[in-house]
Amino acid sequence: METVWFKMEGAILHVCARDEKAANAFLHLAREAGLKHSGLLGTNKRFLLELVDAERIDVPVAIDGKLIVEERFLKFLIDKANDKLTATRKTIARLEKAVRHYCV
């Protein structure tokens, strides 16, 4: 049985920081901007931040080549996905503004 999914995911950004202090400061900015599912992946030599937007949609829409949802629902999914992508762009813009303000 082959399933076709309608899928939308928000941004996933990876940022390297020079040290733990800078990584924690950037992580704080990211979370304040709305990237709540973010974290620090530390290694011996560098600090990698993974900034994950929570916006997402995962819905099965077809099985074995046949729609299991109405076209009206597909349009609804597309509209919601576009709304979520707009929200993701606004979150990234908030992060950019916060970083610019912090670095000045």
N, C-alpha and C. Protein backbone atom coordinates (compact mmCIF):
# COMPACT_ATOMS: atom_id res chain seq x y z
N MET A 1 0.85 -1.17 0.00
CA MET A 1 0.00 0.00 0.00
C MET A 1 0.90 1.24 0.00
N GLU A 2 0.73 2.10 -0.99
CA GLU A 2 1.53 3.32 -1.11
C GLU A 2 0.69 4.52 -0.70
N THR A 3 1.22 5.28 0.26
CA THR A 3 0.52 6.44 0.78
C THR A 3 1.20 7.72 0.32
N VAL A 4 0.39 8.68 -0.12
CA VAL A 4 0.90 10.00 -0.48
C VAL A 4 0.51 10.96 0.64
N TRP A 5 1.51 11.70 1.10
CA TRP A 5 1.30 12.63 2.20
C TRP A 5 1.38 14.07 1.71
N PHE A 6 0.54 14.92 2.27
CA PHE A 6 0.69 16.37 2.13
C PHE A 6 1.54 16.79 3.32
N LYS A 7 2.67 17.42 3.02
CA LYS A 7 3.61 17.74 4.08
C LYS A 7 4.10 19.17 3.95
N MET A 8 4.12 19.86 5.06
CA MET A 8 4.68 21.21 5.14
C MET A 8 5.48 21.27 6.42
N GLU A 9 6.72 21.77 6.33
CA GLU A 9 7.56 21.91 7.51
C GLU A 9 8.11 23.32 7.55
N GLY A 10 8.21 23.85 8.75
CA GLY A 10 8.82 25.16 8.94
C GLY A 10 10.33 25.08 8.77
N ALA A 11 10.97 26.19 8.97
CA ALA A 11 12.42 26.29 8.76
C ALA A 11 13.20 25.47 9.80
N ILE A 12 14.33 24.97 9.34
CA ILE A 12 15.33 24.38 10.22
C ILE A 12 16.65 25.08 9.87
N LEU A 13 17.20 25.79 10.83
CA LEU A 13 18.43 26.53 10.61
C LEU A 13 19.53 25.95 11.49
N HIS A 14 20.74 25.86 10.93
CA HIS A 14 21.89 25.43 11.70
C HIS A 14 22.88 26.59 11.77
N VAL A 15 23.35 26.87 12.97
CA VAL A 15 24.26 27.98 13.20
C VAL A 15 25.41 27.49 14.06
N CYS A 16 26.63 27.81 13.66
CA CYS A 16 27.80 27.51 14.48
C CYS A 16 28.16 28.73 15.31
N ALA A 17 28.47 28.50 16.57
CA ALA A 17 28.89 29.58 17.45
C ALA A 17 30.34 29.38 17.85
N ARG A 18 31.01 30.48 18.14
CA ARG A 18 32.44 30.40 18.46
C ARG A 18 32.70 29.78 19.83
N ASP A 19 31.73 29.95 20.77
CA ASP A 19 31.92 29.37 22.10
C ASP A 19 30.55 29.15 22.74
N GLU A 20 30.56 28.55 23.92
CA GLU A 20 29.30 28.20 24.58
C GLU A 20 28.50 29.45 24.97
N LYS A 21 29.18 30.49 25.38
CA LYS A 21 28.49 31.72 25.76
C LYS A 21 27.74 32.32 24.56
N ALA A 22 28.40 32.39 23.42
CA ALA A 22 27.76 32.92 22.20
C ALA A 22 26.61 32.01 21.77
N ALA A 23 26.81 30.71 21.89
CA ALA A 23 25.75 29.75 21.51
C ALA A 23 24.51 29.94 22.38
N ASN A 24 24.71 30.07 23.68
CA ASN A 24 23.57 30.26 24.58
C ASN A 24 22.87 31.58 24.34
N ALA A 25 23.63 32.63 24.03
CA ALA A 25 23.02 33.93 23.73
C ALA A 25 22.18 33.84 22.46
N PHE A 26 22.72 33.18 21.43
CA PHE A 26 21.98 33.05 20.17
C PHE A 26 20.74 32.18 20.37
N LEU A 27 20.88 31.13 21.16
CA LEU A 27 19.75 30.24 21.45
C LEU A 27 18.64 31.01 22.15
N HIS A 28 19.01 31.87 23.07
CA HIS A 28 18.02 32.69 23.77
C HIS A 28 17.28 33.59 22.77
N LEU A 29 18.02 34.23 21.86
CA LEU A 29 17.40 35.08 20.83
C LEU A 29 16.44 34.26 19.96
N ALA A 30 16.86 33.06 19.58
CA ALA A 30 16.03 32.21 18.72
C ALA A 30 14.74 31.83 19.42
N ARG A 31 14.83 31.45 20.66
CA ARG A 31 13.62 31.06 21.40
C ARG A 31 12.69 32.25 21.61
N GLU A 32 13.26 33.41 21.90
CA GLU A 32 12.44 34.62 22.05
C GLU A 32 11.76 34.99 20.74
N ALA A 33 12.39 34.69 19.61
CA ALA A 33 11.81 34.98 18.30
C ALA A 33 10.70 34.00 17.93
N GLY A 34 10.60 32.90 18.67
CA GLY A 34 9.54 31.93 18.40
C GLY A 34 10.01 30.56 17.98
N LEU A 35 11.31 30.34 17.93
CA LEU A 35 11.85 29.03 17.55
C LEU A 35 12.02 28.20 18.81
N LYS A 36 10.91 27.75 19.37
CA LYS A 36 10.88 27.10 20.68
C LYS A 36 11.51 25.70 20.69
N HIS A 37 11.51 25.03 19.55
CA HIS A 37 12.05 23.67 19.48
C HIS A 37 13.51 23.70 19.04
N SER A 38 14.28 24.51 19.68
CA SER A 38 15.67 24.70 19.28
C SER A 38 16.59 24.20 20.38
N GLY A 39 17.81 23.87 19.99
CA GLY A 39 18.73 23.37 20.99
C GLY A 39 20.18 23.52 20.57
N LEU A 40 21.05 23.20 21.51
CA LEU A 40 22.49 23.30 21.34
C LEU A 40 23.07 21.90 21.23
N LEU A 41 23.82 21.68 20.16
CA LEU A 41 24.50 20.41 19.95
C LEU A 41 25.99 20.67 20.11
N GLY A 42 26.50 20.47 21.30
CA GLY A 42 27.91 20.79 21.56
C GLY A 42 28.82 19.62 21.23
N THR A 43 29.98 19.95 20.71
CA THR A 43 31.04 18.98 20.50
C THR A 43 32.29 19.53 21.16
N ASN A 44 33.39 18.82 21.05
CA ASN A 44 34.63 19.28 21.68
C ASN A 44 35.15 20.57 21.08
N LYS A 45 34.95 20.76 19.77
CA LYS A 45 35.59 21.89 19.09
C LYS A 45 34.64 23.00 18.68
N ARG A 46 33.35 22.71 18.60
CA ARG A 46 32.44 23.77 18.15
C ARG A 46 31.07 23.58 18.79
N PHE A 47 30.28 24.63 18.68
CA PHE A 47 28.93 24.63 19.24
C PHE A 47 27.95 24.86 18.10
N LEU A 48 27.14 23.87 17.83
CA LEU A 48 26.19 23.92 16.74
C LEU A 48 24.78 24.07 17.30
N LEU A 49 24.09 25.09 16.81
CA LEU A 49 22.70 25.31 17.21
C LEU A 49 21.79 24.78 16.11
N GLU A 50 20.75 24.09 16.51
CA GLU A 50 19.72 23.67 15.57
C GLU A 50 18.45 24.42 15.96
N LEU A 51 18.02 25.31 15.08
CA LEU A 51 16.86 26.15 15.32
C LEU A 51 15.70 25.60 14.48
N VAL A 52 14.65 25.16 15.15
CA VAL A 52 13.56 24.46 14.47
C VAL A 52 12.24 25.19 14.72
N ASP A 53 11.59 25.55 13.65
CA ASP A 53 10.27 26.16 13.73
C ASP A 53 9.24 25.06 13.93
N ALA A 54 8.27 25.31 14.78
CA ALA A 54 7.28 24.29 15.12
C ALA A 54 6.17 24.14 14.07
N GLU A 55 6.09 25.06 13.12
CA GLU A 55 5.03 25.00 12.12
C GLU A 55 5.19 23.76 11.25
N ARG A 56 4.11 22.95 11.16
CA ARG A 56 4.16 21.78 10.30
C ARG A 56 2.76 21.20 10.08
N ILE A 57 2.64 20.50 8.97
CA ILE A 57 1.42 19.75 8.64
C ILE A 57 1.87 18.43 8.02
N ASP A 58 1.32 17.34 8.47
CA ASP A 58 1.55 16.00 7.90
C ASP A 58 0.20 15.30 7.81
N VAL A 59 -0.28 15.11 6.60
CA VAL A 59 -1.60 14.50 6.42
C VAL A 59 -1.57 13.54 5.23
N PRO A 60 -2.00 12.29 5.43
CA PRO A 60 -2.12 11.40 4.27
C PRO A 60 -3.29 11.86 3.41
N VAL A 61 -3.07 11.92 2.08
CA VAL A 61 -4.13 12.41 1.19
C VAL A 61 -4.53 11.39 0.11
N ALA A 62 -3.68 10.38 -0.10
CA ALA A 62 -4.02 9.38 -1.12
C ALA A 62 -3.40 8.04 -0.72
N ILE A 63 -4.09 6.99 -1.12
CA ILE A 63 -3.58 5.62 -0.93
C ILE A 63 -3.74 4.89 -2.26
N ASP A 64 -2.64 4.29 -2.68
CA ASP A 64 -2.63 3.55 -3.95
C ASP A 64 -3.18 4.36 -5.12
N GLY A 65 -2.80 5.64 -5.17
CA GLY A 65 -3.19 6.49 -6.28
C GLY A 65 -4.59 7.05 -6.22
N LYS A 66 -5.31 6.82 -5.13
CA LYS A 66 -6.68 7.32 -5.01
C LYS A 66 -6.77 8.27 -3.83
N LEU A 67 -7.37 9.45 -4.09
CA LEU A 67 -7.55 10.42 -3.02
C LEU A 67 -8.42 9.84 -1.91
N ILE A 68 -8.02 10.10 -0.69
CA ILE A 68 -8.83 9.69 0.45
C ILE A 68 -9.44 10.92 1.15
N VAL A 69 -9.19 12.09 0.56
CA VAL A 69 -9.78 13.34 1.06
C VAL A 69 -10.44 14.05 -0.11
N GLU A 70 -11.35 14.94 0.21
CA GLU A 70 -12.01 15.72 -0.84
C GLU A 70 -11.10 16.84 -1.32
N GLU A 71 -11.29 17.27 -2.56
CA GLU A 71 -10.50 18.37 -3.11
C GLU A 71 -10.64 19.64 -2.27
N ARG A 72 -11.81 19.83 -1.70
CA ARG A 72 -12.04 20.99 -0.83
C ARG A 72 -11.08 20.96 0.36
N PHE A 73 -10.84 19.77 0.90
CA PHE A 73 -9.91 19.63 2.02
C PHE A 73 -8.47 19.89 1.57
N LEU A 74 -8.12 19.46 0.35
CA LEU A 74 -6.78 19.75 -0.18
C LEU A 74 -6.56 21.26 -0.28
N LYS A 75 -7.57 21.98 -0.75
CA LYS A 75 -7.45 23.43 -0.83
C LYS A 75 -7.28 24.02 0.57
N PHE A 76 -8.02 23.49 1.52
CA PHE A 76 -7.89 23.93 2.90
C PHE A 76 -6.45 23.70 3.40
N LEU A 77 -5.90 22.52 3.12
CA LEU A 77 -4.53 22.21 3.53
C LEU A 77 -3.52 23.19 2.90
N ILE A 78 -3.71 23.47 1.62
CA ILE A 78 -2.82 24.40 0.93
C ILE A 78 -2.90 25.78 1.56
N ASP A 79 -4.10 26.25 1.84
CA ASP A 79 -4.27 27.56 2.47
C ASP A 79 -3.60 27.59 3.85
N LYS A 80 -3.79 26.53 4.64
CA LYS A 80 -3.18 26.46 5.97
C LYS A 80 -1.66 26.39 5.87
N ALA A 81 -1.16 25.63 4.93
CA ALA A 81 0.30 25.52 4.74
C ALA A 81 0.88 26.88 4.36
N ASN A 82 0.21 27.60 3.49
CA ASN A 82 0.67 28.93 3.11
C ASN A 82 0.65 29.88 4.31
N ASP A 83 -0.38 29.78 5.15
CA ASP A 83 -0.44 30.59 6.37
C ASP A 83 0.74 30.26 7.29
N LYS A 84 1.04 28.98 7.42
CA LYS A 84 2.14 28.55 8.28
C LYS A 84 3.50 28.99 7.72
N LEU A 85 3.65 28.96 6.40
CA LEU A 85 4.89 29.43 5.80
C LEU A 85 5.06 30.94 6.01
N THR A 86 3.96 31.67 5.94
CA THR A 86 4.01 33.10 6.24
C THR A 86 4.43 33.32 7.68
N ALA A 87 3.88 32.53 8.60
CA ALA A 87 4.27 32.64 10.02
C ALA A 87 5.74 32.30 10.20
N THR A 88 6.24 31.30 9.47
CA THR A 88 7.65 30.93 9.55
C THR A 88 8.54 32.09 9.08
N ARG A 89 8.15 32.73 7.99
CA ARG A 89 8.92 33.87 7.49
C ARG A 89 8.96 35.00 8.52
N LYS A 90 7.83 35.22 9.20
CA LYS A 90 7.79 36.26 10.23
C LYS A 90 8.69 35.90 11.40
N THR A 91 8.74 34.64 11.77
CA THR A 91 9.62 34.19 12.85
C THR A 91 11.07 34.42 12.48
N ILE A 92 11.44 34.08 11.26
CA ILE A 92 12.82 34.28 10.80
C ILE A 92 13.15 35.77 10.78
N ALA A 93 12.19 36.60 10.37
CA ALA A 93 12.41 38.04 10.36
C ALA A 93 12.61 38.57 11.78
N ARG A 94 11.85 38.05 12.75
CA ARG A 94 12.03 38.45 14.15
C ARG A 94 13.42 38.07 14.65
N LEU A 95 13.86 36.86 14.27
CA LEU A 95 15.19 36.42 14.67
C LEU A 95 16.26 37.32 14.06
N GLU A 96 16.10 37.62 12.77
CA GLU A 96 17.08 38.49 12.11
C GLU A 96 17.14 39.86 12.78
N LYS A 97 15.98 40.41 13.11
CA LYS A 97 15.93 41.72 13.78
C LYS A 97 16.61 41.65 15.14
N ALA A 98 16.35 40.59 15.90
CA ALA A 98 16.96 40.43 17.22
C ALA A 98 18.48 40.28 17.12
N VAL A 99 18.96 39.53 16.14
CA VAL A 99 20.40 39.34 15.97
C VAL A 99 21.04 40.66 15.58
N ARG A 100 20.42 41.38 14.66
CA ARG A 100 20.98 42.68 14.26
C ARG A 100 21.04 43.64 15.45
N HIS A 101 20.00 43.65 16.26
CA HIS A 101 19.96 44.53 17.43
C HIS A 101 21.03 44.10 18.46
N TYR A 102 21.16 42.82 18.66
CA TYR A 102 22.12 42.27 19.63
C TYR A 102 23.55 42.55 19.21
N CYS A 103 23.81 42.50 17.92
CA CYS A 103 25.19 42.65 17.42
C CYS A 103 25.63 44.10 17.28
N VAL A 104 24.71 45.04 17.45
CA VAL A 104 25.06 46.46 17.29
C VAL A 104 25.55 47.03 18.59
